[in-house]
Amino acid sequence: MKLSVAVAPAIAKHPGRKHAGRMLVSAIFITLLFCGPGYGQEDPAKFPSKPITHIVPVPPGGPTDLAVRLICREAEKFLKQPIVIVNRPGGALSVGTAAIATAKPDGYTIGYSGGPPLFLTPLLEKVPYDPIKDIRTVIQYGGLNFGVYVKADSPFKTFKDLVAYARQNPKKATYGTVGVNSMGNLMMEEVAKKEKVQITHIPFKGTPEVQTALLGGHVLFGAGDFNTSLVEAKEIRLVMMLKDEPAAEYPGVPTIKELYGLPYPMYFTVITQKAVPDAIVRKLEDAFRQAMKEPAFIKGMKELNLPVAYRPGKDLDVIVAQNYAYFSKMLKDMGVIK
């Protein structure tokens, strides 16, 4: 309104510009009307009124993808709208995470991000999002069992056996992960540094490709996510768990934290954009929290050998910020970043 007052004197001094002045005032009015706060945002009370897109930054078919589909299938019942799964793999999960973070903040684009794309990848490469300023967690609904695994008929019975081989055969101990600068890649290099051995990293697009390469004899071991059915079928053998606490599902397998004191924080989460209204985030969290209690979800997670674990989104946002600070220091100490 002050803008139209400021324009008026200029129009009075130049009558020939009267028409142009009116057009300018109209343009300003339209801009204020349609670009003001809240324009284009749905009434939270009516959310959701259409299908929701859930982006998964890993290829279809792996245990992470399957767990996401389990929870979304149950959450649909409470949201009363379909949840459309879209796989966007690549860049150590940063491609899919970027697609979530840069989407319109209306609650209709959510997704999974296990952790590293929020507190690791942004430290190592340029990504189109700030994990602290642009992303918020809706809920944590489970934990992840990542590990170092070999073929079941491999002569390596323990992780220390792999280390011994690497020490005797520099650079011949090949391993696969879901990408350069992925959590598995960086932690294996940190372990190699501690053990003073040389190993060779071969990046793949996703877990299924890593496992195929392992079973085909193209890499010596895999580091990261794995398909539990391959463990049960005795096609692969776990030699070290990549997680902070022992896995109840795999008793007797030591963790990277136990052997080397290294953290490996990984979670099953639903994330969205920071600017999504609180009321919509609460609706999403409520639906996914109810989905966690559904027998089909609990049964499915048990079949995948994955733990069910609840944590409010706001609590996990604090943990993400803490991990961001921790890994920033760790990577500087490693000389990876300045």
Protein backbone atom coordinates (compact mmCIF):
# COMPACT_ATOMS: atom_id res chain seq x y z
CA MET A 1 0.00 0.00 0.00
CA LYS A 2 2.91 2.36 0.68
CA LEU A 3 4.19 1.37 -2.73
CA SER A 4 1.11 2.83 -4.50
CA VAL A 5 1.50 6.12 -2.58
CA ALA A 6 5.13 6.37 -3.70
CA VAL A 7 4.13 5.86 -7.32
CA ALA A 8 1.40 8.53 -7.31
CA PRO A 9 3.63 11.69 -7.27
CA ALA A 10 5.62 10.39 -10.20
CA ILE A 11 2.42 9.89 -12.20
CA ALA A 12 1.21 13.42 -11.33
CA LYS A 13 4.42 15.01 -12.65
CA HIS A 14 4.24 13.06 -15.89
CA PRO A 15 0.58 12.80 -17.03
CA GLY A 16 1.71 10.95 -20.15
CA ARG A 17 2.78 8.11 -17.99
CA LYS A 18 -0.60 7.76 -16.31
CA HIS A 19 -1.48 4.55 -18.08
CA ALA A 20 1.95 3.03 -17.42
CA GLY A 21 1.69 4.03 -13.78
CA ARG A 22 -1.65 2.28 -13.40
CA MET A 23 -0.15 -0.83 -14.92
CA LEU A 24 2.74 -0.69 -12.46
CA VAL A 25 0.40 -0.35 -9.49
CA SER A 26 -1.68 -3.26 -10.78
CA ALA A 27 1.43 -5.39 -11.18
CA ILE A 28 2.53 -4.60 -7.62
CA PHE A 29 -0.92 -5.45 -6.30
CA ILE A 30 -0.98 -8.78 -8.12
CA THR A 31 2.51 -9.61 -6.87
CA LEU A 32 1.51 -8.89 -3.28
CA LEU A 33 -1.70 -10.83 -3.65
CA PHE A 34 -0.28 -14.01 -5.17
CA CYS A 35 3.25 -14.16 -3.81
CA GLY A 36 2.50 -13.29 -0.24
CA PRO A 37 2.91 -15.69 2.66
CA GLY A 38 0.85 -18.84 2.36
CA TYR A 39 0.01 -18.52 -1.32
CA GLY A 40 -0.29 -21.91 -2.92
CA GLN A 41 -0.16 -23.75 0.39
CA GLU A 42 -2.88 -26.23 1.13
CA ASP A 43 -4.96 -25.89 4.25
CA PRO A 44 -3.21 -28.29 6.67
CA ALA A 45 -6.62 -29.45 7.86
CA LYS A 46 -7.31 -30.86 4.37
CA PHE A 47 -3.89 -32.50 3.95
CA PRO A 48 -3.41 -34.82 2.16
CA SER A 49 -5.85 -34.34 -0.70
CA LYS A 50 -3.77 -36.13 -3.36
CA PRO A 51 -1.07 -38.85 -3.61
CA ILE A 52 2.23 -38.32 -1.81
CA THR A 53 5.58 -39.00 -3.48
CA HIS A 54 8.15 -40.88 -1.40
CA ILE A 55 11.66 -40.73 -2.87
CA VAL A 56 14.06 -43.59 -2.15
CA PRO A 57 17.73 -42.79 -2.97
CA VAL A 58 18.66 -46.44 -3.56
CA PRO A 59 17.76 -48.87 -6.37
CA PRO A 60 14.67 -51.08 -5.99
CA GLY A 61 14.96 -54.59 -4.60
CA GLY A 62 17.44 -54.17 -1.75
CA PRO A 63 16.51 -54.43 1.95
CA THR A 64 16.40 -50.65 2.40
CA ASP A 65 13.97 -50.26 -0.49
CA LEU A 66 11.84 -53.14 0.79
CA ALA A 67 11.63 -51.67 4.30
CA VAL A 68 10.53 -48.30 2.90
CA ARG A 69 7.79 -50.00 0.88
CA LEU A 70 6.63 -51.86 3.99
CA ILE A 71 6.13 -48.71 6.08
CA CYS A 72 4.58 -46.73 3.23
CA ARG A 73 2.05 -49.47 2.50
CA GLU A 74 0.81 -49.22 6.08
CA ALA A 75 1.01 -45.40 6.32
CA GLU A 76 -1.31 -45.08 3.30
CA LYS A 77 -4.13 -46.48 5.43
CA PHE A 78 -3.89 -43.59 7.87
CA LEU A 79 -3.21 -40.84 5.34
CA LYS A 80 -6.04 -42.15 3.14
CA GLN A 81 -3.99 -41.35 0.05
CA PRO A 82 -1.58 -43.43 -2.04
CA ILE A 83 2.17 -43.09 -1.41
CA VAL A 84 4.03 -43.36 -4.70
CA ILE A 85 7.55 -44.79 -4.37
CA VAL A 86 10.15 -43.23 -6.70
CA ASN A 87 13.69 -44.65 -6.70
CA ARG A 88 16.39 -42.04 -7.34
CA PRO A 89 19.74 -43.79 -6.72
CA GLY A 90 23.23 -42.40 -7.17
CA GLY A 91 25.83 -40.17 -5.56
CA ALA A 92 25.99 -42.20 -2.32
CA LEU A 93 22.29 -41.38 -1.76
CA SER A 94 22.78 -37.64 -2.37
CA VAL A 95 20.89 -37.63 -5.70
CA GLY A 96 17.65 -38.78 -4.11
CA THR A 97 18.19 -36.67 -1.01
CA ALA A 98 18.64 -33.57 -3.19
CA ALA A 99 15.37 -34.36 -4.97
CA ILE A 100 13.60 -34.43 -1.60
CA ALA A 101 15.28 -31.31 -0.19
CA THR A 102 14.63 -29.13 -3.26
CA ALA A 103 11.01 -30.15 -3.81
CA LYS A 104 8.10 -27.82 -3.10
CA PRO A 105 7.63 -27.67 0.71
CA ASP A 106 3.98 -28.69 0.75
CA GLY A 107 4.23 -32.13 2.33
CA TYR A 108 3.66 -34.01 -0.91
CA THR A 109 7.32 -34.95 -1.42
CA ILE A 110 8.91 -36.92 1.37
CA GLY A 111 11.59 -39.60 1.37
CA TYR A 112 14.18 -41.76 3.02
CA SER A 113 17.70 -40.74 3.91
CA GLY A 114 19.75 -43.10 6.03
CA GLY A 115 22.10 -40.51 7.48
CA PRO A 116 25.29 -39.97 5.42
CA PRO A 117 23.61 -37.69 2.83
CA LEU A 118 22.71 -35.43 5.75
CA PHE A 119 25.98 -35.32 7.69
CA LEU A 120 28.69 -36.73 5.45
CA THR A 121 28.21 -36.16 1.72
CA PRO A 122 27.63 -32.38 2.10
CA LEU A 123 31.06 -32.14 3.71
CA LEU A 124 32.76 -33.94 0.84
CA GLU A 125 31.14 -32.50 -2.26
CA LYS A 126 28.86 -29.74 -3.42
CA VAL A 127 25.21 -30.66 -3.08
CA PRO A 128 22.16 -28.47 -3.83
CA TYR A 129 20.95 -28.51 -0.24
CA ASP A 130 22.01 -27.60 3.28
CA PRO A 131 21.23 -30.58 5.53
CA ILE A 132 20.61 -28.38 8.56
CA LYS A 133 18.74 -25.48 6.94
CA ASP A 134 16.78 -27.24 4.19
CA ILE A 135 15.75 -30.60 5.67
CA ARG A 136 13.74 -31.77 8.65
CA THR A 137 13.09 -35.30 9.88
CA VAL A 138 9.50 -36.44 10.20
CA ILE A 139 10.21 -39.67 12.08
CA GLN A 140 12.66 -42.51 12.64
CA TYR A 141 10.96 -45.89 12.35
CA GLY A 142 13.81 -48.38 12.29
CA GLY A 143 17.49 -49.16 12.45
CA LEU A 144 19.78 -50.50 9.77
CA ASN A 145 22.01 -53.54 9.79
CA PHE A 146 24.94 -52.77 7.53
CA GLY A 147 28.01 -54.92 7.42
CA VAL A 148 31.16 -56.19 5.78
CA TYR A 149 30.44 -59.48 4.02
CA VAL A 150 32.21 -62.10 1.92
CA LYS A 151 31.07 -65.08 -0.14
CA ALA A 152 30.02 -67.97 2.06
CA ASP A 153 32.70 -70.22 0.57
CA SER A 154 35.40 -67.59 1.09
CA PRO A 155 38.44 -68.64 3.15
CA PHE A 156 37.97 -65.44 5.21
CA LYS A 157 36.10 -66.36 8.37
CA THR A 158 36.65 -63.08 10.23
CA PHE A 159 37.38 -59.48 9.36
CA LYS A 160 40.88 -59.92 10.74
CA ASP A 161 41.39 -62.61 8.09
CA LEU A 162 40.64 -59.99 5.43
CA VAL A 163 43.09 -57.59 7.05
CA ALA A 164 45.80 -60.29 7.07
CA TYR A 165 45.22 -60.94 3.35
CA ALA A 166 45.39 -57.21 2.57
CA ARG A 167 48.64 -56.91 4.49
CA GLN A 168 50.22 -59.71 2.48
CA ASN A 169 48.68 -58.61 -0.84
CA PRO A 170 48.70 -54.79 -1.13
CA LYS A 171 45.82 -53.36 -3.22
CA LYS A 172 44.51 -56.83 -4.11
CA ALA A 173 41.81 -56.79 -1.45
CA THR A 174 38.99 -55.32 -3.56
CA TYR A 175 35.71 -54.23 -2.05
CA GLY A 176 32.44 -52.78 -3.29
CA THR A 177 30.20 -50.05 -1.87
CA VAL A 178 27.32 -47.91 -3.16
CA GLY A 179 29.65 -45.12 -4.25
CA VAL A 180 32.73 -42.99 -3.79
CA ASN A 181 32.59 -41.14 -0.46
CA SER A 182 29.77 -43.36 0.73
CA MET A 183 29.82 -44.27 4.41
CA GLY A 184 31.10 -47.75 3.58
CA ASN A 185 33.90 -46.38 1.41
CA LEU A 186 35.14 -43.82 3.93
CA MET A 187 34.98 -46.14 6.90
CA MET A 188 36.80 -48.94 5.07
CA GLU A 189 39.54 -46.48 4.14
CA GLU A 190 39.73 -45.33 7.76
CA VAL A 191 40.04 -48.95 8.90
CA ALA A 192 42.75 -49.56 6.27
CA LYS A 193 44.59 -46.49 7.59
CA LYS A 194 44.40 -47.81 11.16
CA GLU A 195 45.60 -51.25 10.04
CA LYS A 196 48.24 -49.75 7.72
CA VAL A 197 47.08 -51.80 4.72
CA GLN A 198 46.15 -50.90 1.12
CA ILE A 199 42.77 -51.96 -0.22
CA THR A 200 41.06 -51.16 -3.54
CA HIS A 201 37.61 -49.61 -3.71
CA ILE A 202 35.20 -50.37 -6.57
CA PRO A 203 32.04 -48.20 -6.48
CA PHE A 204 28.63 -49.42 -7.64
CA LYS A 205 25.24 -47.78 -8.11
CA GLY A 206 23.50 -49.76 -5.39
CA THR A 207 23.51 -52.75 -3.05
CA PRO A 208 22.15 -55.30 -5.56
CA GLU A 209 25.05 -54.51 -7.89
CA VAL A 210 27.60 -54.87 -5.07
CA GLN A 211 26.19 -58.26 -4.11
CA THR A 212 26.11 -59.45 -7.73
CA ALA A 213 29.76 -58.46 -8.15
CA LEU A 214 30.69 -60.27 -4.94
CA LEU A 215 28.92 -63.48 -5.88
CA GLY A 216 30.47 -63.29 -9.33
CA GLY A 217 33.94 -63.06 -7.85
CA HIS A 218 34.59 -59.51 -9.07
CA VAL A 219 35.25 -58.10 -5.57
CA LEU A 220 36.60 -59.75 -2.43
CA PHE A 221 34.10 -58.23 -0.02
CA GLY A 222 31.21 -55.81 0.21
CA ALA A 223 30.73 -53.00 2.73
CA GLY A 224 27.32 -51.53 3.45
CA ASP A 225 23.75 -52.71 3.06
CA PHE A 226 23.09 -56.37 2.31
CA ASN A 227 20.20 -58.68 1.56
CA THR A 228 19.40 -60.84 4.58
CA SER A 229 18.06 -63.62 2.36
CA LEU A 230 21.60 -64.12 1.04
CA VAL A 231 22.84 -64.58 4.59
CA GLU A 232 20.06 -67.04 5.38
CA ALA A 233 20.73 -68.94 2.14
CA LYS A 234 24.40 -69.13 3.16
CA GLU A 235 25.52 -67.34 0.02
CA ILE A 236 27.26 -64.53 1.91
CA ARG A 237 28.83 -64.39 5.38
CA LEU A 238 29.05 -61.37 7.65
CA VAL A 239 32.47 -60.70 9.19
CA MET A 240 31.83 -57.28 10.75
CA MET A 241 28.72 -55.19 11.45
CA LEU A 242 28.77 -51.57 10.37
CA LYS A 243 26.73 -50.02 13.16
CA ASP A 244 27.17 -48.47 16.58
CA GLU A 245 25.62 -51.24 18.66
CA PRO A 246 25.64 -55.05 18.37
CA ALA A 247 22.97 -56.46 16.07
CA ALA A 248 20.59 -58.77 17.91
CA GLU A 249 19.74 -60.29 14.54
CA TYR A 250 23.38 -61.33 13.99
CA PRO A 251 24.80 -62.39 17.35
CA GLY A 252 28.52 -62.94 17.56
CA VAL A 253 29.42 -60.65 14.68
CA PRO A 254 31.62 -57.80 16.03
CA THR A 255 30.85 -54.17 15.16
CA ILE A 256 33.17 -51.59 13.65
CA LYS A 257 32.81 -49.64 16.87
CA GLU A 258 33.95 -52.62 18.96
CA LEU A 259 36.93 -53.40 16.73
CA TYR A 260 38.06 -49.89 15.79
CA GLY A 261 36.10 -47.37 17.84
CA LEU A 262 34.53 -45.92 14.69
CA PRO A 263 30.89 -44.71 14.57
CA TYR A 264 28.44 -45.81 11.91
CA PRO A 265 25.13 -43.98 12.54
CA MET A 266 22.41 -45.21 10.16
CA TYR A 267 18.63 -44.87 10.51
CA PHE A 268 15.37 -45.58 8.73
CA THR A 269 13.76 -42.17 8.53
CA VAL A 270 11.19 -40.09 6.71
CA ILE A 271 12.48 -36.63 5.82
CA THR A 272 10.97 -33.61 4.10
CA GLN A 273 11.70 -29.95 3.49
CA LYS A 274 12.38 -27.61 6.42
CA ALA A 275 9.65 -25.19 5.30
CA VAL A 276 6.81 -27.71 5.42
CA PRO A 277 4.20 -26.40 7.91
CA ASP A 278 4.36 -28.01 11.36
CA ALA A 279 0.73 -29.11 11.17
CA ILE A 280 1.42 -31.13 8.02
CA VAL A 281 4.58 -32.67 9.50
CA ARG A 282 2.57 -33.72 12.56
CA LYS A 283 0.02 -35.44 10.32
CA LEU A 284 2.77 -37.30 8.50
CA GLU A 285 4.51 -38.32 11.72
CA ASP A 286 1.25 -39.53 13.24
CA ALA A 287 0.48 -41.68 10.17
CA PHE A 288 3.94 -43.28 10.08
CA ARG A 289 3.97 -43.83 13.83
CA GLN A 290 0.66 -45.67 13.59
CA ALA A 291 2.03 -47.64 10.63
CA MET A 292 4.90 -48.84 12.84
CA LYS A 293 2.38 -50.65 15.05
CA GLU A 294 0.77 -52.57 12.20
CA PRO A 295 1.41 -56.34 12.33
CA ALA A 296 2.31 -56.49 8.62
CA PHE A 297 5.08 -53.91 9.09
CA ILE A 298 6.46 -55.59 12.22
CA LYS A 299 6.39 -58.99 10.53
CA GLY A 300 8.03 -57.63 7.37
CA MET A 301 10.86 -55.96 9.29
CA LYS A 302 11.47 -59.17 11.21
CA GLU A 303 11.69 -61.10 7.94
CA LEU A 304 14.24 -58.55 6.72
CA ASN A 305 16.14 -58.92 10.02
CA LEU A 306 15.82 -55.20 10.67
CA PRO A 307 15.03 -53.64 14.06
CA VAL A 308 11.98 -51.43 14.54
CA ALA A 309 12.91 -48.26 16.43
CA TYR A 310 10.93 -45.06 17.02
CA ARG A 311 12.37 -41.59 17.51
CA PRO A 312 10.61 -38.23 17.02
CA GLY A 313 11.80 -36.20 14.06
CA LYS A 314 12.88 -33.22 16.17
CA ASP A 315 15.15 -35.47 18.25
CA LEU A 316 16.80 -36.93 15.18
CA ASP A 317 17.37 -33.44 13.75
CA VAL A 318 19.52 -32.75 16.81
CA ILE A 319 21.46 -35.99 16.26
CA VAL A 320 21.99 -35.14 12.58
CA ALA A 321 23.47 -31.76 13.57
CA GLN A 322 25.74 -33.48 16.11
CA ASN A 323 26.93 -36.00 13.52
CA TYR A 324 27.54 -33.21 11.03
CA ALA A 325 29.89 -31.57 13.53
CA TYR A 326 31.53 -34.91 14.43
CA PHE A 327 32.25 -35.99 10.87
CA SER A 328 33.43 -32.53 9.94
CA LYS A 329 36.12 -32.82 12.60
CA MET A 330 36.92 -36.43 11.67
CA LEU A 331 37.35 -35.64 7.96
CA LYS A 332 39.57 -32.67 8.79
CA ASP A 333 41.69 -34.86 11.04
CA MET A 334 41.92 -37.42 8.22
CA GLY A 335 43.05 -34.67 5.85
CA VAL A 336 40.11 -35.34 3.53
CA ILE A 337 38.75 -31.78 3.85
CA LYS A 338 40.27 -28.50 5.00
